[in-house]
Amino acid sequence: MTIPYGAWPSPISAADRARGSLSLSFPDAVAGSGEVWWMEGRPDEEGRQVVVRAGADGQPLEVQLLEFPSAAALDGYMTDGRRLSLAGERDKAIARTQVMNVELV
């Protein structure tokens, strides 16, 4: 039996191959601070791309970029009743959250 090139069955699927393979890109060290920033591709999380920052201690932190037109808008976001219904989960996330004012250039 002859099978056309590329059509043979394989025990390894593309999903198997991609699973668990983080991709790292755009590394950037901040001079004098000991900080390193990079983009991380996460195939196990639907291919999500995340900005990650490691400080001088080497501990990686996921960075979520949120933009608000004013401090009042940020306050409204933080006190929105829809999020308050998940207060327990929110409190766990806030406990490990560091807020930074970042200007994108």
Foldseek 3Di string as FASTA:
>chain_A
DDDPPPPDDDPADPLNVPAPDKDWDDWDDDPPFLKIWIWIFHVVVVRDIWIWMAGNVRDIDTDDDDDDPDPVRVVCVVPPPVVVVVVVVVVVVVVPDDDDDDDDD
